[in-house]
Amino acid sequence: EALQRRPRKKRPQDPPTTGTVLEHDGLELDTRTRTVRVDGREVDLTRSEFDVLSCLLRSGRVVRGRTELALLLRGGKAGSAGWVSAADEKTIEVHICNVRRKLGERVRGARWFETVRGVGYRLTAAA
């Protein structure tokens, strides 16, 4: 009952007619169909994993912090202000870990995105 009383924000979705394919070193993310391909093979991601990866690809080499990514998953915009708990930040770390595992990426010698210690995550430099 308590969960039903809580307000829910609808997360903004891309309209079906405005799809964009984001690419980086063999990784393709289609925002219209919400699909991800690595070197031609499709990868299954959850909604949250897809949104985190999409934000990183859109950001390029700009570092995105765990707090900013957590706010994005709540339905906010990148760069918006808000309070984020330590549990929310840990959730982002778990999502990043799961995305890396599903893409087949190692932390050392990362192909697509890298950790900036104490700050957040960003795309790797173009090969």
N, C-alpha and C. Protein backbone atom coordinates (compact mmCIF):
# COMPACT_ATOMS: atom_id res chain seq x y z
N GLU A 1 0.82 -1.19 0.00
CA GLU A 1 0.00 0.00 0.00
C GLU A 1 0.86 1.26 0.00
N ALA A 2 1.95 1.22 0.76
CA ALA A 2 2.83 2.39 0.81
C ALA A 2 3.47 2.64 -0.55
N LEU A 3 3.85 1.59 -1.23
CA LEU A 3 4.45 1.75 -2.56
C LEU A 3 3.46 2.33 -3.55
N GLN A 4 2.20 1.97 -3.43
CA GLN A 4 1.20 2.47 -4.35
C GLN A 4 0.90 3.96 -4.13
N ARG A 5 1.12 4.45 -2.90
CA ARG A 5 0.87 5.87 -2.61
C ARG A 5 2.00 6.76 -3.14
N ARG A 6 3.17 6.20 -3.33
CA ARG A 6 4.32 7.00 -3.77
C ARG A 6 4.13 7.46 -5.21
N PRO A 7 4.45 8.72 -5.46
CA PRO A 7 4.33 9.21 -6.84
C PRO A 7 5.41 8.60 -7.72
N ARG A 8 5.08 8.34 -8.93
CA ARG A 8 6.02 7.79 -9.89
C ARG A 8 6.22 8.79 -11.02
N LYS A 9 7.46 9.07 -11.31
CA LYS A 9 7.76 9.94 -12.44
C LYS A 9 7.92 9.06 -13.66
N LYS A 10 7.34 9.47 -14.73
CA LYS A 10 7.57 8.75 -15.98
C LYS A 10 8.90 9.21 -16.53
N ARG A 11 9.69 8.23 -16.95
CA ARG A 11 10.99 8.55 -17.52
C ARG A 11 10.79 8.96 -18.98
N PRO A 12 11.45 10.03 -19.39
CA PRO A 12 11.29 10.45 -20.78
C PRO A 12 11.86 9.41 -21.72
N GLN A 13 11.11 9.08 -22.74
CA GLN A 13 11.54 8.12 -23.74
C GLN A 13 11.72 8.86 -25.06
N ASP A 14 12.62 8.37 -25.89
CA ASP A 14 12.76 8.94 -27.22
C ASP A 14 11.50 8.61 -28.02
N PRO A 15 10.94 9.57 -28.74
CA PRO A 15 9.80 9.26 -29.60
C PRO A 15 10.23 8.23 -30.64
N PRO A 16 9.34 7.34 -31.05
CA PRO A 16 9.71 6.28 -31.97
C PRO A 16 10.26 6.77 -33.30
N THR A 17 9.93 8.00 -33.69
CA THR A 17 10.37 8.48 -34.99
C THR A 17 11.76 9.13 -34.95
N THR A 18 12.28 9.41 -33.77
CA THR A 18 13.57 10.07 -33.69
C THR A 18 14.61 9.14 -33.12
N GLY A 19 15.01 8.18 -33.89
CA GLY A 19 16.03 7.24 -33.44
C GLY A 19 17.41 7.74 -33.78
N THR A 20 18.35 7.37 -32.97
CA THR A 20 19.73 7.72 -33.19
C THR A 20 20.56 6.48 -32.93
N VAL A 21 21.53 6.26 -33.78
CA VAL A 21 22.47 5.16 -33.55
C VAL A 21 23.77 5.78 -33.07
N LEU A 22 24.16 5.43 -31.86
CA LEU A 22 25.41 5.90 -31.28
C LEU A 22 26.44 4.79 -31.45
N GLU A 23 27.63 5.14 -31.90
CA GLU A 23 28.66 4.14 -32.16
C GLU A 23 29.97 4.54 -31.50
N HIS A 24 30.71 3.53 -31.07
CA HIS A 24 32.04 3.74 -30.51
C HIS A 24 32.81 2.43 -30.57
N ASP A 25 33.79 2.35 -31.45
CA ASP A 25 34.73 1.22 -31.53
C ASP A 25 34.04 -0.15 -31.57
N GLY A 26 33.10 -0.34 -32.49
CA GLY A 26 32.42 -1.62 -32.64
C GLY A 26 31.19 -1.80 -31.78
N LEU A 27 30.88 -0.82 -30.95
CA LEU A 27 29.69 -0.84 -30.10
C LEU A 27 28.64 0.06 -30.73
N GLU A 28 27.46 -0.47 -30.98
CA GLU A 28 26.36 0.31 -31.58
C GLU A 28 25.16 0.27 -30.64
N LEU A 29 24.61 1.45 -30.37
CA LEU A 29 23.43 1.56 -29.52
C LEU A 29 22.37 2.31 -30.31
N ASP A 30 21.23 1.68 -30.54
CA ASP A 30 20.12 2.29 -31.28
C ASP A 30 19.06 2.72 -30.28
N THR A 31 18.86 4.04 -30.16
CA THR A 31 17.92 4.56 -29.16
C THR A 31 16.47 4.31 -29.56
N ARG A 32 16.20 4.19 -30.86
CA ARG A 32 14.82 3.97 -31.32
C ARG A 32 14.35 2.57 -30.98
N THR A 33 15.17 1.57 -31.26
CA THR A 33 14.79 0.18 -30.99
C THR A 33 15.31 -0.32 -29.65
N ARG A 34 16.10 0.52 -28.98
CA ARG A 34 16.71 0.18 -27.68
C ARG A 34 17.47 -1.15 -27.76
N THR A 35 18.31 -1.25 -28.80
CA THR A 35 19.14 -2.43 -28.97
C THR A 35 20.61 -2.04 -28.92
N VAL A 36 21.42 -3.00 -28.50
CA VAL A 36 22.86 -2.80 -28.43
C VAL A 36 23.52 -3.94 -29.18
N ARG A 37 24.51 -3.60 -30.00
CA ARG A 37 25.28 -4.60 -30.75
C ARG A 37 26.76 -4.39 -30.49
N VAL A 38 27.47 -5.50 -30.33
CA VAL A 38 28.92 -5.47 -30.18
C VAL A 38 29.49 -6.32 -31.30
N ASP A 39 30.23 -5.67 -32.19
CA ASP A 39 30.83 -6.36 -33.35
C ASP A 39 29.79 -7.21 -34.08
N GLY A 40 28.57 -6.68 -34.22
CA GLY A 40 27.53 -7.36 -34.97
C GLY A 40 26.62 -8.28 -34.17
N ARG A 41 27.00 -8.65 -32.95
CA ARG A 41 26.13 -9.54 -32.16
C ARG A 41 25.33 -8.69 -31.17
N GLU A 42 24.05 -9.05 -31.03
CA GLU A 42 23.15 -8.29 -30.16
C GLU A 42 23.40 -8.68 -28.70
N VAL A 43 23.34 -7.66 -27.84
CA VAL A 43 23.56 -7.84 -26.40
C VAL A 43 22.29 -7.42 -25.67
N ASP A 44 21.82 -8.26 -24.76
CA ASP A 44 20.62 -7.97 -23.96
C ASP A 44 21.01 -7.14 -22.74
N LEU A 45 20.41 -5.95 -22.61
CA LEU A 45 20.63 -5.11 -21.44
C LEU A 45 19.29 -4.77 -20.80
N THR A 46 19.31 -4.57 -19.48
CA THR A 46 18.11 -4.11 -18.79
C THR A 46 17.88 -2.64 -19.14
N ARG A 47 16.73 -2.11 -18.77
CA ARG A 47 16.43 -0.71 -19.04
C ARG A 47 17.46 0.21 -18.40
N SER A 48 17.80 -0.04 -17.15
CA SER A 48 18.76 0.81 -16.45
C SER A 48 20.14 0.71 -17.07
N GLU A 49 20.57 -0.49 -17.41
CA GLU A 49 21.88 -0.67 -18.04
C GLU A 49 21.93 0.06 -19.38
N PHE A 50 20.85 -0.05 -20.15
CA PHE A 50 20.78 0.63 -21.45
C PHE A 50 20.87 2.15 -21.25
N ASP A 51 20.15 2.69 -20.28
CA ASP A 51 20.14 4.14 -20.04
C ASP A 51 21.51 4.64 -19.59
N VAL A 52 22.19 3.89 -18.74
CA VAL A 52 23.54 4.28 -18.30
C VAL A 52 24.49 4.27 -19.49
N LEU A 53 24.46 3.22 -20.28
CA LEU A 53 25.33 3.12 -21.45
C LEU A 53 25.02 4.23 -22.45
N SER A 54 23.76 4.51 -22.66
CA SER A 54 23.35 5.58 -23.58
C SER A 54 23.89 6.93 -23.12
N CYS A 55 23.80 7.20 -21.84
CA CYS A 55 24.31 8.47 -21.29
C CYS A 55 25.82 8.57 -21.51
N LEU A 56 26.54 7.48 -21.27
CA LEU A 56 27.99 7.51 -21.47
C LEU A 56 28.35 7.72 -22.94
N LEU A 57 27.62 7.07 -23.83
CA LEU A 57 27.91 7.25 -25.26
C LEU A 57 27.59 8.67 -25.74
N ARG A 58 26.51 9.24 -25.22
CA ARG A 58 26.14 10.62 -25.61
C ARG A 58 27.14 11.63 -25.05
N SER A 59 27.76 11.30 -23.93
CA SER A 59 28.65 12.24 -23.25
C SER A 59 30.04 12.29 -23.85
N GLY A 60 30.42 11.26 -24.59
CA GLY A 60 31.76 11.23 -25.18
C GLY A 60 32.82 11.11 -24.09
N ARG A 61 33.82 11.97 -24.15
CA ARG A 61 34.91 11.91 -23.18
C ARG A 61 34.62 12.70 -21.90
N VAL A 62 33.43 13.27 -21.79
CA VAL A 62 33.05 13.99 -20.57
C VAL A 62 32.78 12.97 -19.47
N VAL A 63 33.36 13.19 -18.30
CA VAL A 63 33.19 12.26 -17.18
C VAL A 63 31.81 12.45 -16.57
N ARG A 64 31.10 11.34 -16.37
CA ARG A 64 29.80 11.35 -15.70
C ARG A 64 29.95 10.64 -14.37
N GLY A 65 29.59 11.32 -13.29
CA GLY A 65 29.71 10.77 -11.95
C GLY A 65 28.58 9.82 -11.61
N ARG A 66 28.80 9.04 -10.56
CA ARG A 66 27.77 8.09 -10.12
C ARG A 66 26.50 8.82 -9.69
N THR A 67 26.65 9.97 -9.03
CA THR A 67 25.50 10.75 -8.60
C THR A 67 24.67 11.20 -9.80
N GLU A 68 25.35 11.72 -10.80
CA GLU A 68 24.66 12.19 -12.00
C GLU A 68 23.94 11.05 -12.72
N LEU A 69 24.59 9.90 -12.81
CA LEU A 69 23.97 8.74 -13.46
C LEU A 69 22.77 8.23 -12.66
N ALA A 70 22.87 8.27 -11.32
CA ALA A 70 21.74 7.84 -10.48
C ALA A 70 20.54 8.77 -10.68
N LEU A 71 20.79 10.06 -10.76
CA LEU A 71 19.70 11.01 -11.00
C LEU A 71 19.07 10.79 -12.37
N LEU A 72 19.89 10.46 -13.35
CA LEU A 72 19.38 10.18 -14.68
C LEU A 72 18.44 8.97 -14.66
N LEU A 73 18.80 7.94 -13.91
CA LEU A 73 17.95 6.75 -13.83
C LEU A 73 16.63 7.03 -13.14
N ARG A 74 16.61 8.04 -12.29
CA ARG A 74 15.37 8.43 -11.62
C ARG A 74 14.45 9.23 -12.53
N GLY A 75 14.93 9.60 -13.69
CA GLY A 75 14.11 10.36 -14.61
C GLY A 75 14.53 11.80 -14.76
N GLY A 76 15.61 12.18 -14.11
CA GLY A 76 16.12 13.55 -14.26
C GLY A 76 16.96 13.68 -15.51
N LYS A 77 17.52 14.85 -15.69
CA LYS A 77 18.39 15.10 -16.84
C LYS A 77 19.83 15.14 -16.36
N ALA A 78 20.75 14.83 -17.27
CA ALA A 78 22.17 14.91 -16.94
C ALA A 78 22.48 16.33 -16.50
N GLY A 79 23.18 16.46 -15.38
CA GLY A 79 23.53 17.77 -14.87
C GLY A 79 22.52 18.35 -13.89
N SER A 80 21.40 17.67 -13.66
CA SER A 80 20.40 18.19 -12.73
C SER A 80 20.85 17.96 -11.30
N ALA A 81 20.30 18.74 -10.39
CA ALA A 81 20.67 18.63 -8.98
C ALA A 81 19.67 17.74 -8.25
N GLY A 82 20.12 17.14 -7.18
CA GLY A 82 19.25 16.30 -6.37
C GLY A 82 20.08 15.50 -5.39
N TRP A 83 19.42 14.90 -4.43
CA TRP A 83 20.10 14.12 -3.41
C TRP A 83 20.15 12.67 -3.83
N VAL A 84 21.32 12.06 -3.65
CA VAL A 84 21.52 10.65 -4.01
C VAL A 84 22.18 9.95 -2.83
N SER A 85 21.62 8.82 -2.43
CA SER A 85 22.17 8.07 -1.30
C SER A 85 23.37 7.24 -1.74
N ALA A 86 24.11 6.75 -0.77
CA ALA A 86 25.25 5.88 -1.06
C ALA A 86 24.78 4.59 -1.73
N ALA A 87 23.59 4.13 -1.37
CA ALA A 87 23.04 2.92 -1.99
C ALA A 87 22.76 3.15 -3.47
N ASP A 88 22.27 4.35 -3.82
CA ASP A 88 22.03 4.69 -5.22
C ASP A 88 23.33 4.69 -6.01
N GLU A 89 24.38 5.25 -5.42
CA GLU A 89 25.68 5.28 -6.08
C GLU A 89 26.23 3.86 -6.26
N LYS A 90 26.04 3.03 -5.26
CA LYS A 90 26.48 1.63 -5.37
C LYS A 90 25.71 0.91 -6.47
N THR A 91 24.44 1.24 -6.63
CA THR A 91 23.62 0.65 -7.68
C THR A 91 24.21 0.97 -9.05
N ILE A 92 24.70 2.18 -9.23
CA ILE A 92 25.33 2.56 -10.50
C ILE A 92 26.57 1.71 -10.74
N GLU A 93 27.36 1.50 -9.70
CA GLU A 93 28.55 0.65 -9.84
C GLU A 93 28.16 -0.76 -10.28
N VAL A 94 27.07 -1.28 -9.74
CA VAL A 94 26.59 -2.61 -10.12
C VAL A 94 26.14 -2.62 -11.58
N HIS A 95 25.41 -1.58 -11.99
CA HIS A 95 24.97 -1.49 -13.40
C HIS A 95 26.18 -1.45 -14.33
N ILE A 96 27.18 -0.65 -13.98
CA ILE A 96 28.39 -0.55 -14.81
C ILE A 96 29.08 -1.91 -14.89
N CYS A 97 29.18 -2.59 -13.77
CA CYS A 97 29.80 -3.92 -13.73
C CYS A 97 29.03 -4.89 -14.63
N ASN A 98 27.71 -4.86 -14.56
CA ASN A 98 26.89 -5.75 -15.38
C ASN A 98 27.03 -5.43 -16.87
N VAL A 99 27.06 -4.15 -17.22
CA VAL A 99 27.23 -3.77 -18.63
C VAL A 99 28.58 -4.27 -19.13
N ARG A 100 29.63 -4.06 -18.33
CA ARG A 100 30.96 -4.54 -18.73
C ARG A 100 30.95 -6.05 -18.95
N ARG A 101 30.33 -6.77 -18.05
CA ARG A 101 30.28 -8.24 -18.17
C ARG A 101 29.54 -8.66 -19.43
N LYS A 102 28.40 -8.03 -19.69
CA LYS A 102 27.59 -8.39 -20.85
C LYS A 102 28.26 -8.01 -22.17
N LEU A 103 29.03 -6.92 -22.16
CA LEU A 103 29.75 -6.51 -23.37
C LEU A 103 31.04 -7.30 -23.56
N GLY A 104 31.47 -7.98 -22.50
CA GLY A 104 32.71 -8.74 -22.57
C GLY A 104 33.93 -7.85 -22.41
N GLU A 105 33.79 -6.79 -21.62
CA GLU A 105 34.87 -5.84 -21.44
C GLU A 105 35.58 -6.07 -20.10
N ARG A 106 36.89 -5.90 -20.13
CA ARG A 106 37.69 -5.97 -18.90
C ARG A 106 37.93 -4.55 -18.40
N VAL A 107 38.13 -4.40 -17.10
CA VAL A 107 38.40 -3.08 -16.54
C VAL A 107 39.77 -2.59 -17.02
N ARG A 108 40.76 -3.45 -16.98
CA ARG A 108 42.09 -3.07 -17.50
C ARG A 108 42.06 -3.21 -19.02
N GLY A 109 42.57 -2.23 -19.69
CA GLY A 109 42.56 -2.25 -21.14
C GLY A 109 41.15 -2.11 -21.69
N ALA A 110 40.35 -1.27 -21.04
CA ALA A 110 38.95 -1.11 -21.43
C ALA A 110 38.83 -0.65 -22.88
N ARG A 111 37.87 -1.22 -23.58
CA ARG A 111 37.65 -0.89 -24.99
C ARG A 111 36.65 0.24 -25.18
N TRP A 112 35.60 0.29 -24.33
CA TRP A 112 34.53 1.26 -24.55
C TRP A 112 34.44 2.35 -23.51
N PHE A 113 34.46 2.02 -22.25
CA PHE A 113 34.41 3.08 -21.26
C PHE A 113 35.32 2.74 -20.10
N GLU A 114 35.79 3.79 -19.45
CA GLU A 114 36.79 3.63 -18.40
C GLU A 114 36.35 4.32 -17.12
N THR A 115 36.92 3.87 -16.03
CA THR A 115 36.65 4.46 -14.72
C THR A 115 37.66 5.57 -14.47
N VAL A 116 37.17 6.72 -14.06
CA VAL A 116 38.02 7.81 -13.62
C VAL A 116 37.93 7.78 -12.10
N ARG A 117 38.99 7.29 -11.46
CA ARG A 117 38.95 7.03 -10.02
C ARG A 117 38.50 8.24 -9.21
N GLY A 118 37.52 7.99 -8.35
CA GLY A 118 37.00 9.01 -7.46
C GLY A 118 36.08 10.02 -8.13
N VAL A 119 35.85 9.87 -9.45
CA VAL A 119 35.02 10.84 -10.16
C VAL A 119 33.84 10.18 -10.83
N GLY A 120 34.09 9.23 -11.75
CA GLY A 120 33.00 8.59 -12.46
C GLY A 120 33.47 7.76 -13.65
N TYR A 121 32.77 7.88 -14.77
CA TYR A 121 33.04 7.05 -15.94
C TYR A 121 32.98 7.92 -17.19
N ARG A 122 33.73 7.50 -18.23
CA ARG A 122 33.71 8.17 -19.53
C ARG A 122 34.11 7.19 -20.62
N LEU A 123 33.86 7.59 -21.87
CA LEU A 123 34.27 6.76 -22.99
C LEU A 123 35.79 6.72 -23.09
N THR A 124 36.30 5.62 -23.61
CA THR A 124 37.74 5.56 -23.86
C THR A 124 38.05 6.42 -25.08
N ALA A 125 39.32 6.76 -25.23
CA ALA A 125 39.74 7.54 -26.39
C ALA A 125 39.57 6.70 -27.65
N ALA A 126 39.26 7.35 -28.75
CA ALA A 126 39.07 6.64 -30.01
C ALA A 126 40.36 5.95 -30.42
N ALA A 127 40.21 4.72 -30.93
CA ALA A 127 41.40 3.95 -31.32
C ALA A 127 41.97 4.45 -32.62
